[in-house]
C-alpha cells in the first residue's frame, strides 16, 4: 500500500519550522551553500499543503563529499537512491524516474 498524502490547512508555524531547519544548515554549510530556501507548498502563506517542510540548498559546485559531511553532522542522511519526487495524487505519468 502506498503512503497516503494528507493535505493540511495552512500552519503559520511552517515558516518558523523552516527557520529552525535552515539556520543550522547555513552554519554547517557555510560558503558551500549559496542559498538555502524554503520551497514547496508550505512556503506559500495561506496555502494548504502536505505537512512537510521542503528545503532547497543551492551550491555553485557540487562537492558531494563535503556536502554530505556537513549535513551528516546535523543528523541528516544522504540517500543516493532517491532520484525523483512523488507523483501528485491522480497522476500516472512516469515522472518519478
PDB file of N, CA and C in Angstrom:
ATOM      1  N   UNK A   1       0.846  -1.185   0.000  1.00  0.00           N
ATOM      2  CA  UNK A   1       0.000   0.000   0.000  1.00  0.00           C
ATOM      3  C   UNK A   1       0.889   1.245   0.000  1.00  0.00           C
ATOM      4  N   UNK A   2       0.571   2.183  -0.863  1.00  0.00           N
ATOM      5  CA  UNK A   2       1.330   3.431  -0.927  1.00  0.00           C
ATOM      6  C   UNK A   2       0.959   4.333   0.242  1.00  0.00           C
ATOM      7  N   UNK A   3       1.898   5.209   0.595  1.00  0.00           N
ATOM      8  CA  UNK A   3       1.624   6.181   1.649  1.00  0.00           C
ATOM      9  C   UNK A   3       0.542   7.150   1.204  1.00  0.00           C
ATOM     10  N   UNK A   4      -0.397   7.391   2.066  1.00  0.00           N
ATOM     11  CA  UNK A   4      -1.474   8.332   1.786  1.00  0.00           C
ATOM     12  C   UNK A   4      -0.949   9.747   1.979  1.00  0.00           C
ATOM     13  N   UNK A   5      -1.185  10.606   1.011  1.00  0.00           N
ATOM     14  CA  UNK A   5      -0.781  12.008   1.119  1.00  0.00           C
ATOM     15  C   UNK A   5      -1.932  12.778   1.752  1.00  0.00           C
ATOM     16  N   UNK A   6      -1.633  13.471   2.834  1.00  0.00           N
ATOM     17  CA  UNK A   6      -2.643  14.244   3.550  1.00  0.00           C
ATOM     18  C   UNK A   6      -2.330  15.722   3.370  1.00  0.00           C
ATOM     19  N   UNK A   7      -3.329  16.470   2.934  1.00  0.00           N
ATOM     20  CA  UNK A   7      -3.188  17.919   2.782  1.00  0.00           C
ATOM     21  C   UNK A   7      -3.753  18.575   4.041  1.00  0.00           C
ATOM     22  N   UNK A   8      -2.919  19.361   4.706  1.00  0.00           N
ATOM     23  CA  UNK A   8      -3.301  20.017   5.960  1.00  0.00           C
ATOM     24  C   UNK A   8      -3.605  21.492   5.699  1.00  0.00           C
ATOM     25  N   UNK A   9      -4.461  22.083   6.518  1.00  0.00           N
ATOM     26  CA  UNK A   9      -4.669  23.529   6.413  1.00  0.00           C
ATOM     27  C   UNK A   9      -3.355  24.261   6.672  1.00  0.00           C
ATOM     28  N   UNK A  10      -3.231  25.451   6.106  1.00  0.00           N
ATOM     29  CA  UNK A  10      -2.020  26.245   6.307  1.00  0.00           C
ATOM     30  C   UNK A  10      -1.719  26.371   7.799  1.00  0.00           C
ATOM     31  N   UNK A  11      -0.445  26.231   8.128  1.00  0.00           N
ATOM     32  CA  UNK A  11       0.001  26.361   9.518  1.00  0.00           C
ATOM     33  C   UNK A  11       1.000  27.515   9.603  1.00  0.00           C
ATOM     34  N   UNK A  12       0.688  28.560  10.355  1.00  0.00           N
ATOM     35  CA  UNK A  12       1.600  29.704  10.449  1.00  0.00           C
ATOM     36  C   UNK A  12       2.943  29.347  11.097  1.00  0.00           C
ATOM     37  N   UNK A  13       3.070  28.144  11.633  1.00  0.00           N
ATOM     38  CA  UNK A  13       4.342  27.699  12.201  1.00  0.00           C
ATOM     39  C   UNK A  13       5.314  27.202  11.130  1.00  0.00           C
ATOM     40  N   UNK A  14       4.835  26.935   9.918  1.00  0.00           N
ATOM     41  CA  UNK A  14       5.713  26.404   8.873  1.00  0.00           C
ATOM     42  C   UNK A  14       6.919  27.302   8.592  1.00  0.00           C
ATOM     43  N   UNK A  15       6.770  28.620   8.452  1.00  0.00           N
ATOM     44  CA  UNK A  15       7.964  29.455   8.250  1.00  0.00           C
ATOM     45  C   UNK A  15       8.952  29.364   9.419  1.00  0.00           C
ATOM     46  N   UNK A  16       8.427  29.268  10.640  1.00  0.00           N
ATOM     47  CA  UNK A  16       9.300  29.136  11.809  1.00  0.00           C
ATOM     48  C   UNK A  16      10.005  27.783  11.805  1.00  0.00           C
ATOM     49  N   UNK A  17       9.298  26.743  11.372  1.00  0.00           N
ATOM     50  CA  UNK A  17       9.908  25.417  11.270  1.00  0.00           C
ATOM     51  C   UNK A  17      11.034  25.441  10.228  1.00  0.00           C
ATOM     52  N   UNK A  18      10.809  26.123   9.113  1.00  0.00           N
ATOM     53  CA  UNK A  18      11.884  26.237   8.120  1.00  0.00           C
ATOM     54  C   UNK A  18      13.090  26.962   8.728  1.00  0.00           C
ATOM     55  N   UNK A  19      12.847  28.023   9.459  1.00  0.00           N
ATOM     56  CA  UNK A  19      13.952  28.756  10.086  1.00  0.00           C
ATOM     57  C   UNK A  19      14.721  27.841  11.039  1.00  0.00           C
ATOM     58  N   UNK A  20      13.993  27.016  11.801  1.00  0.00           N
ATOM     59  CA  UNK A  20      14.621  26.075  12.732  1.00  0.00           C
ATOM     60  C   UNK A  20      15.498  25.065  11.975  1.00  0.00           C
ATOM     61  N   UNK A  21      15.085  24.690  10.764  1.00  0.00           N
ATOM     62  CA  UNK A  21      15.872  23.767   9.941  1.00  0.00           C
ATOM     63  C   UNK A  21      16.986  24.498   9.195  1.00  0.00           C
ATOM     64  N   UNK A  22      16.684  25.676   8.682  1.00  0.00           N
ATOM     65  CA  UNK A  22      17.623  26.402   7.830  1.00  0.00           C
ATOM     66  C   UNK A  22      18.812  27.001   8.555  1.00  0.00           C
ATOM     67  N   UNK A  23      18.609  27.517   9.750  1.00  0.00           N
ATOM     68  CA  UNK A  23      19.711  28.162  10.471  1.00  0.00           C
ATOM     69  C   UNK A  23      20.897  27.218  10.710  1.00  0.00           C
ATOM     70  N   UNK A  24      20.662  25.994  11.242  1.00  0.00           N
ATOM     71  CA  UNK A  24      21.807  25.103  11.428  1.00  0.00           C
ATOM     72  C   UNK A  24      22.438  24.663  10.099  1.00  0.00           C
ATOM     73  N   UNK A  25      21.627  24.543   9.052  1.00  0.00           N
ATOM     74  CA  UNK A  25      22.186  24.197   7.741  1.00  0.00           C
ATOM     75  C   UNK A  25      23.112  25.303   7.250  1.00  0.00           C
ATOM     76  N   UNK A  26      22.684  26.555   7.408  1.00  0.00           N
ATOM     77  CA  UNK A  26      23.526  27.689   6.997  1.00  0.00           C
ATOM     78  C   UNK A  26      24.854  27.676   7.751  1.00  0.00           C
ATOM     79  N   UNK A  27      24.793  27.407   9.052  1.00  0.00           N
ATOM     80  CA  UNK A  27      26.012  27.360   9.858  1.00  0.00           C
ATOM     81  C   UNK A  27      26.914  26.206   9.417  1.00  0.00           C
ATOM     82  N   UNK A  28      26.331  25.025   9.248  1.00  0.00           N
ATOM     83  CA  UNK A  28      27.121  23.837   8.900  1.00  0.00           C
ATOM     84  C   UNK A  28      27.705  23.922   7.493  1.00  0.00           C
ATOM     85  N   UNK A  29      26.949  24.480   6.560  1.00  0.00           N
ATOM     86  CA  UNK A  29      27.396  24.519   5.168  1.00  0.00           C
ATOM     87  C   UNK A  29      28.262  25.728   4.852  1.00  0.00           C
ATOM     88  N   UNK A  30      28.076  26.808   5.590  1.00  0.00           N
ATOM     89  CA  UNK A  30      28.891  27.996   5.367  1.00  0.00           C
ATOM     90  C   UNK A  30      28.912  28.412   3.904  1.00  0.00           C
ATOM     91  N   UNK A  31      30.125  28.617   3.368  1.00  0.00           N
ATOM     92  CA  UNK A  31      30.282  29.076   1.991  1.00  0.00           C
ATOM     93  C   UNK A  31      29.957  28.011   0.946  1.00  0.00           C
ATOM     94  N   UNK A  32      29.755  26.756   1.362  1.00  0.00           N
ATOM     95  CA  UNK A  32      29.362  25.722   0.397  1.00  0.00           C
ATOM     96  C   UNK A  32      28.001  26.034  -0.204  1.00  0.00           C
ATOM     97  N   UNK A  33      27.123  26.635   0.597  1.00  0.00           N
ATOM     98  CA  UNK A  33      25.762  26.930   0.154  1.00  0.00           C
ATOM     99  C   UNK A  33      25.653  28.389  -0.284  1.00  0.00           C
ATOM    100  N   UNK A  34      25.219  28.584  -1.516  1.00  0.00           N
ATOM    101  CA  UNK A  34      24.935  29.939  -1.984  1.00  0.00           C
ATOM    102  C   UNK A  34      23.616  30.430  -1.392  1.00  0.00           C
ATOM    103  N   UNK A  35      22.658  29.506  -1.304  1.00  0.00           N
ATOM    104  CA  UNK A  35      21.328  29.828  -0.780  1.00  0.00           C
ATOM    105  C   UNK A  35      20.762  28.597  -0.090  1.00  0.00           C
ATOM    106  N   UNK A  36      19.910  28.825   0.873  1.00  0.00           N
ATOM    107  CA  UNK A  36      19.102  27.770   1.471  1.00  0.00           C
ATOM    108  C   UNK A  36      17.698  28.337   1.547  1.00  0.00           C
ATOM    109  N   UNK A  37      16.783  27.719   0.795  1.00  0.00           N
ATOM    110  CA  UNK A  37      15.441  28.273   0.634  1.00  0.00           C
ATOM    111  C   UNK A  37      14.353  27.311   1.094  1.00  0.00           C
ATOM    112  N   UNK A  38      13.281  27.897   1.584  1.00  0.00           N
ATOM    113  CA  UNK A  38      12.046  27.174   1.899  1.00  0.00           C
ATOM    114  C   UNK A  38      11.254  27.136   0.597  1.00  0.00           C
ATOM    115  N   UNK A  39      11.046  25.934   0.073  1.00  0.00           N
ATOM    116  CA  UNK A  39      10.336  25.796  -1.199  1.00  0.00           C
ATOM    117  C   UNK A  39       9.110  24.922  -0.998  1.00  0.00           C
ATOM    118  N   UNK A  40       8.335  24.783  -2.031  1.00  0.00           N
ATOM    119  CA  UNK A  40       7.165  23.919  -1.986  1.00  0.00           C
ATOM    120  C   UNK A  40       5.960  24.623  -1.394  1.00  0.00           C
ATOM    121  N   UNK A  41       4.892  23.854  -1.245  1.00  0.00           N
ATOM    122  CA  UNK A  41       3.612  24.440  -0.857  1.00  0.00           C
ATOM    123  C   UNK A  41       3.601  25.004   0.562  1.00  0.00           C
ATOM    124  N   UNK A  42       4.409  24.473   1.483  1.00  0.00           N
ATOM    125  CA  UNK A  42       4.421  25.048   2.834  1.00  0.00           C
ATOM    126  C   UNK A  42       5.069  26.424   2.872  1.00  0.00           C
ATOM    127  N   UNK A  43       5.728  26.812   1.791  1.00  0.00           N
ATOM    128  CA  UNK A  43       6.361  28.128   1.714  1.00  0.00           C
ATOM    129  C   UNK A  43       5.395  29.204   1.236  1.00  0.00           C
ATOM    130  N   UNK A  44       4.185  28.817   0.852  1.00  0.00           N
ATOM    131  CA  UNK A  44       3.208  29.773   0.328  1.00  0.00           C
ATOM    132  C   UNK A  44       2.225  30.135   1.433  1.00  0.00           C
ATOM    133  N   UNK A  45       2.275  31.374   1.926  1.00  0.00           N
ATOM    134  CA  UNK A  45       1.363  31.779   3.009  1.00  0.00           C
ATOM    135  C   UNK A  45      -0.100  31.540   2.643  1.00  0.00           C
ATOM    136  N   UNK A  46      -0.820  30.883   3.555  1.00  0.00           N
ATOM    137  CA  UNK A  46      -2.253  30.665   3.374  1.00  0.00           C
ATOM    138  C   UNK A  46      -2.615  29.423   2.588  1.00  0.00           C
ATOM    139  N   UNK A  47      -1.661  28.740   1.982  1.00  0.00           N
ATOM    140  CA  UNK A  47      -1.945  27.585   1.131  1.00  0.00           C
ATOM    141  C   UNK A  47      -1.951  26.299   1.943  1.00  0.00           C
ATOM    142  N   UNK A  48      -2.983  25.486   1.774  1.00  0.00           N
ATOM    143  CA  UNK A  48      -2.993  24.155   2.368  1.00  0.00           C
ATOM    144  C   UNK A  48      -1.907  23.335   1.700  1.00  0.00           C
ATOM    145  N   UNK A  49      -1.318  22.376   2.446  1.00  0.00           N
ATOM    146  CA  UNK A  49      -0.162  21.651   1.911  1.00  0.00           C
ATOM    147  C   UNK A  49       0.067  20.360   2.673  1.00  0.00           C
ATOM    148  N   UNK A  50       0.936  19.509   2.111  1.00  0.00           N
ATOM    149  CA  UNK A  50       1.438  18.378   2.896  1.00  0.00           C
ATOM    150  C   UNK A  50       2.231  18.987   4.044  1.00  0.00           C
ATOM    151  N   UNK A  51       2.141  18.411   5.211  1.00  0.00           N
ATOM    152  CA  UNK A  51       2.839  18.952   6.379  1.00  0.00           C
ATOM    153  C   UNK A  51       4.297  18.502   6.364  1.00  0.00           C
ATOM    154  N   UNK A  52       5.007  18.925   5.321  1.00  0.00           N
ATOM    155  CA  UNK A  52       6.423  18.576   5.131  1.00  0.00           C
ATOM    156  C   UNK A  52       7.146  19.839   4.682  1.00  0.00           C
ATOM    157  N   UNK A  53       8.188  20.215   5.388  1.00  0.00           N
ATOM    158  CA  UNK A  53       8.962  21.398   5.030  1.00  0.00           C
ATOM    159  C   UNK A  53      10.024  20.989   4.009  1.00  0.00           C
ATOM    160  N   UNK A  54       9.940  21.554   2.814  1.00  0.00           N
ATOM    161  CA  UNK A  54      10.913  21.278   1.760  1.00  0.00           C
ATOM    162  C   UNK A  54      11.998  22.348   1.786  1.00  0.00           C
ATOM    163  N   UNK A  55      13.240  21.898   1.791  1.00  0.00           N
ATOM    164  CA  UNK A  55      14.389  22.788   1.835  1.00  0.00           C
ATOM    165  C   UNK A  55      15.226  22.546   0.596  1.00  0.00           C
ATOM    166  N   UNK A  56      15.587  23.619  -0.077  1.00  0.00           N
ATOM    167  CA  UNK A  56      16.458  23.527  -1.252  1.00  0.00           C
ATOM    168  C   UNK A  56      17.778  24.215  -0.945  1.00  0.00           C
ATOM    169  N   UNK A  57      18.862  23.486  -1.170  1.00  0.00           N
ATOM    170  CA  UNK A  57      20.205  24.033  -0.972  1.00  0.00           C
ATOM    171  C   UNK A  57      20.816  24.259  -2.343  1.00  0.00           C
ATOM    172  N   UNK A  58      21.230  25.483  -2.623  1.00  0.00           N
ATOM    173  CA  UNK A  58      21.862  25.825  -3.892  1.00  0.00           C
ATOM    174  C   UNK A  58      23.363  25.961  -3.684  1.00  0.00           C
ATOM    175  N   UNK A  59      24.126  25.284  -4.522  1.00  0.00           N
ATOM    176  CA  UNK A  59      25.590  25.322  -4.433  1.00  0.00           C
ATOM    177  C   UNK A  59      26.157  25.760  -5.772  1.00  0.00           C
ATOM    178  N   UNK A  60      27.342  26.363  -5.762  1.00  0.00           N
ATOM    179  CA  UNK A  60      27.965  26.753  -7.028  1.00  0.00           C
ATOM    180  C   UNK A  60      28.658  25.557  -7.667  1.00  0.00           C
ATOM    181  N   UNK A  61      29.198  24.670  -6.848  1.00  0.00           N
ATOM    182  CA  UNK A  61      29.865  23.465  -7.321  1.00  0.00           C
ATOM    183  C   UNK A  61      29.420  22.309  -6.444  1.00  0.00           C
ATOM    184  N   UNK A  62      29.010  21.227  -7.074  1.00  0.00           N
ATOM    185  CA  UNK A  62      28.548  20.083  -6.311  1.00  0.00           C
ATOM    186  C   UNK A  62      29.739  19.263  -5.827  1.00  0.00           C
ATOM    187  N   UNK A  63      30.038  19.404  -4.555  1.00  0.00           N
ATOM    188  CA  UNK A  63      31.087  18.618  -3.912  1.00  0.00           C
ATOM    189  C   UNK A  63      30.370  17.703  -2.930  1.00  0.00           C
ATOM    190  N   UNK A  64      29.953  16.552  -3.441  1.00  0.00           N
ATOM    191  CA  UNK A  64      29.118  15.636  -2.662  1.00  0.00           C
ATOM    192  C   UNK A  64      29.769  15.256  -1.333  1.00  0.00           C
ATOM    193  N   UNK A  65      31.044  14.968  -1.333  1.00  0.00           N
ATOM    194  CA  UNK A  65      31.736  14.547  -0.115  1.00  0.00           C
ATOM    195  C   UNK A  65      31.615  15.623   0.967  1.00  0.00           C
ATOM    196  N   UNK A  66      31.879  16.874   0.614  1.00  0.00           N
ATOM    197  CA  UNK A  66      31.827  17.957   1.600  1.00  0.00           C
ATOM    198  C   UNK A  66      30.392  18.233   2.059  1.00  0.00           C
ATOM    199  N   UNK A  67      29.444  18.214   1.113  1.00  0.00           N
ATOM    200  CA  UNK A  67      28.047  18.466   1.471  1.00  0.00           C
ATOM    201  C   UNK A  67      27.512  17.383   2.390  1.00  0.00           C
ATOM    202  N   UNK A  68      27.784  16.124   2.047  1.00  0.00           N
ATOM    203  CA  UNK A  68      27.302  15.017   2.873  1.00  0.00           C
ATOM    204  C   UNK A  68      27.923  15.083   4.260  1.00  0.00           C
ATOM    205  N   UNK A  69      29.205  15.395   4.342  1.00  0.00           N
ATOM    206  CA  UNK A  69      29.862  15.505   5.650  1.00  0.00           C
ATOM    207  C   UNK A  69      29.207  16.606   6.487  1.00  0.00           C
ATOM    208  N   UNK A  70      28.919  17.742   5.875  1.00  0.00           N
ATOM    209  CA  UNK A  70      28.341  18.870   6.612  1.00  0.00           C
ATOM    210  C   UNK A  70      26.933  18.568   7.111  1.00  0.00           C
ATOM    211  N   UNK A  71      26.091  18.001   6.262  1.00  0.00           N
ATOM    212  CA  UNK A  71      24.715  17.753   6.706  1.00  0.00           C
ATOM    213  C   UNK A  71      24.616  16.511   7.588  1.00  0.00           C
ATOM    214  N   UNK A  72      25.521  15.565   7.417  1.00  0.00           N
ATOM    215  CA  UNK A  72      25.538  14.378   8.282  1.00  0.00           C
ATOM    216  C   UNK A  72      25.828  14.770   9.725  1.00  0.00           C
ATOM    217  N   UNK A  73      26.650  15.784   9.902  1.00  0.00           N
ATOM    218  CA  UNK A  73      26.966  16.264  11.251  1.00  0.00           C
ATOM    219  C   UNK A  73      25.711  16.788  11.970  1.00  0.00           C
ATOM    220  N   UNK A  74      24.684  17.146  11.195  1.00  0.00           N
ATOM    221  CA  UNK A  74      23.423  17.625  11.774  1.00  0.00           C
ATOM    222  C   UNK A  74      22.415  16.495  11.965  1.00  0.00           C
ATOM    223  N   UNK A  75      22.804  15.275  11.584  1.00  0.00           N
ATOM    224  CA  UNK A  75      21.907  14.140  11.746  1.00  0.00           C
ATOM    225  C   UNK A  75      21.137  13.754  10.500  1.00  0.00           C
ATOM    226  N   UNK A  76      21.371  14.460   9.391  1.00  0.00           N
ATOM    227  CA  UNK A  76      20.705  14.110   8.140  1.00  0.00           C
ATOM    228  C   UNK A  76      21.419  12.939   7.490  1.00  0.00           C
ATOM    229  N   UNK A  77      20.674  12.166   6.712  1.00  0.00           N
ATOM    230  CA  UNK A  77      21.242  11.045   5.971  1.00  0.00           C
ATOM    231  C   UNK A  77      21.157  11.336   4.484  1.00  0.00           C
ATOM    232  N   UNK A  78      22.194  10.967   3.753  1.00  0.00           N
ATOM    233  CA  UNK A  78      22.200  11.124   2.299  1.00  0.00           C
ATOM    234  C   UNK A  78      21.683   9.837   1.676  1.00  0.00           C
ATOM    235  N   UNK A  79      20.745   9.960   0.743  1.00  0.00           N
ATOM    236  CA  UNK A  79      20.143   8.813   0.074  1.00  0.00           C
ATOM    237  C   UNK A  79      20.527   8.857  -1.404  1.00  0.00           C
ATOM    238  N   UNK A  80      21.511   8.071  -1.798  1.00  0.00           N
ATOM    239  CA  UNK A  80      21.946   8.010  -3.196  1.00  0.00           C
ATOM    240  C   UNK A  80      20.862   7.505  -4.139  1.00  0.00           C
ATOM    241  N   UNK A  81      19.972   6.663  -3.623  1.00  0.00           N
ATOM    242  CA  UNK A  81      18.996   6.012  -4.498  1.00  0.00           C
ATOM    243  C   UNK A  81      17.739   6.840  -4.752  1.00  0.00           C
ATOM    244  N   UNK A  82      17.618   8.002  -4.136  1.00  0.00           N
ATOM    245  CA  UNK A  82      16.455   8.849  -4.404  1.00  0.00           C
ATOM    246  C   UNK A  82      16.822   9.790  -5.547  1.00  0.00           C
ATOM    247  N   UNK A  83      16.161   9.609  -6.660  1.00  0.00           N
ATOM    248  CA  UNK A  83      16.477  10.399  -7.852  1.00  0.00           C
ATOM    249  C   UNK A  83      15.263  11.145  -8.396  1.00  0.00           C
ATOM    250  N   UNK A  84      14.148  11.122  -7.663  1.00  0.00           N
ATOM    251  CA  UNK A  84      12.950  11.807  -8.128  1.00  0.00           C
ATOM    252  C   UNK A  84      12.032  12.095  -6.958  1.00  0.00           C
ATOM    253  N   UNK A  85      10.889  12.644  -7.267  1.00  0.00           N
ATOM    254  CA  UNK A  85       9.912  13.019  -6.260  1.00  0.00           C
ATOM    255  C   UNK A  85       8.660  12.167  -6.458  1.00  0.00           C
ATOM    256  N   UNK A  86       7.737  12.251  -5.519  1.00  0.00           N
ATOM    257  CA  UNK A  86       6.483  11.520  -5.632  1.00  0.00           C
ATOM    258  C   UNK A  86       5.613  12.127  -6.733  1.00  0.00           C
ATOM    259  N   UNK A  87       4.624  11.376  -7.159  1.00  0.00           N
ATOM    260  CA  UNK A  87       3.649  11.898  -8.109  1.00  0.00           C
ATOM    261  C   UNK A  87       2.480  12.511  -7.350  1.00  0.00           C
ATOM    262  N   UNK A  88       1.931  13.606  -7.851  1.00  0.00           N
ATOM    263  CA  UNK A  88       0.728  14.158  -7.224  1.00  0.00           C
ATOM    264  C   UNK A  88      -0.407  13.144  -7.292  1.00  0.00           C
ATOM    265  N   UNK A  89      -1.346  13.189  -6.334  1.00  0.00           N
ATOM    266  CA  UNK A  89      -2.469  12.257  -6.360  1.00  0.00           C
ATOM    267  C   UNK A  89      -3.196  12.293  -7.693  1.00  0.00           C
ATOM    268  N   UNK A  90      -3.467  11.116  -8.243  1.00  0.00           N
ATOM    269  CA  UNK A  90      -4.210  11.014  -9.501  1.00  0.00           C
ATOM    270  C   UNK A  90      -3.331  11.035 -10.743  1.00  0.00           C
ATOM    271  N   UNK A  91      -2.071  11.415 -10.630  1.00  0.00           N
ATOM    272  CA  UNK A  91      -1.198  11.457 -11.804  1.00  0.00           C
ATOM    273  C   UNK A  91      -0.580  10.082 -12.016  1.00  0.00           C
ATOM    274  N   UNK A  92      -0.485   9.680 -13.280  1.00  0.00           N
ATOM    275  CA  UNK A  92       0.018   8.338 -13.575  1.00  0.00           C
ATOM    276  C   UNK A  92       1.222   8.363 -14.502  1.00  0.00           C
ATOM    277  N   UNK A  93       1.817   9.518 -14.752  1.00  0.00           N
ATOM    278  CA  UNK A  93       2.980   9.605 -15.649  1.00  0.00           C
ATOM    279  C   UNK A  93       4.192   8.974 -15.005  1.00  0.00           C
ATOM    280  N   UNK A  94       5.254   8.834 -15.759  1.00  0.00           N
ATOM    281  CA  UNK A  94       6.498   8.240 -15.248  1.00  0.00           C
ATOM    282  C   UNK A  94       7.425   9.302 -14.689  1.00  0.00           C
ATOM    283  N   UNK A  95       6.904  10.342 -14.076  1.00  0.00           N
ATOM    284  CA  UNK A  95       7.708  11.465 -13.579  1.00  0.00           C
ATOM    285  C   UNK A  95       8.634  11.091 -12.431  1.00  0.00           C
ATOM    286  N   UNK A  96       8.447   9.927 -11.831  1.00  0.00           N
ATOM    287  CA  UNK A  96       9.270   9.532 -10.699  1.00  0.00           C
ATOM    288  C   UNK A  96      10.675   9.120 -11.139  1.00  0.00           C
ATOM    289  N   UNK A  97      10.899   8.920 -12.411  1.00  0.00           N
ATOM    290  CA  UNK A  97      12.190   8.446 -12.916  1.00  0.00           C
ATOM    291  C   UNK A  97      13.286   9.409 -12.613  1.00  0.00           C
TER     292      UNK A  97
END
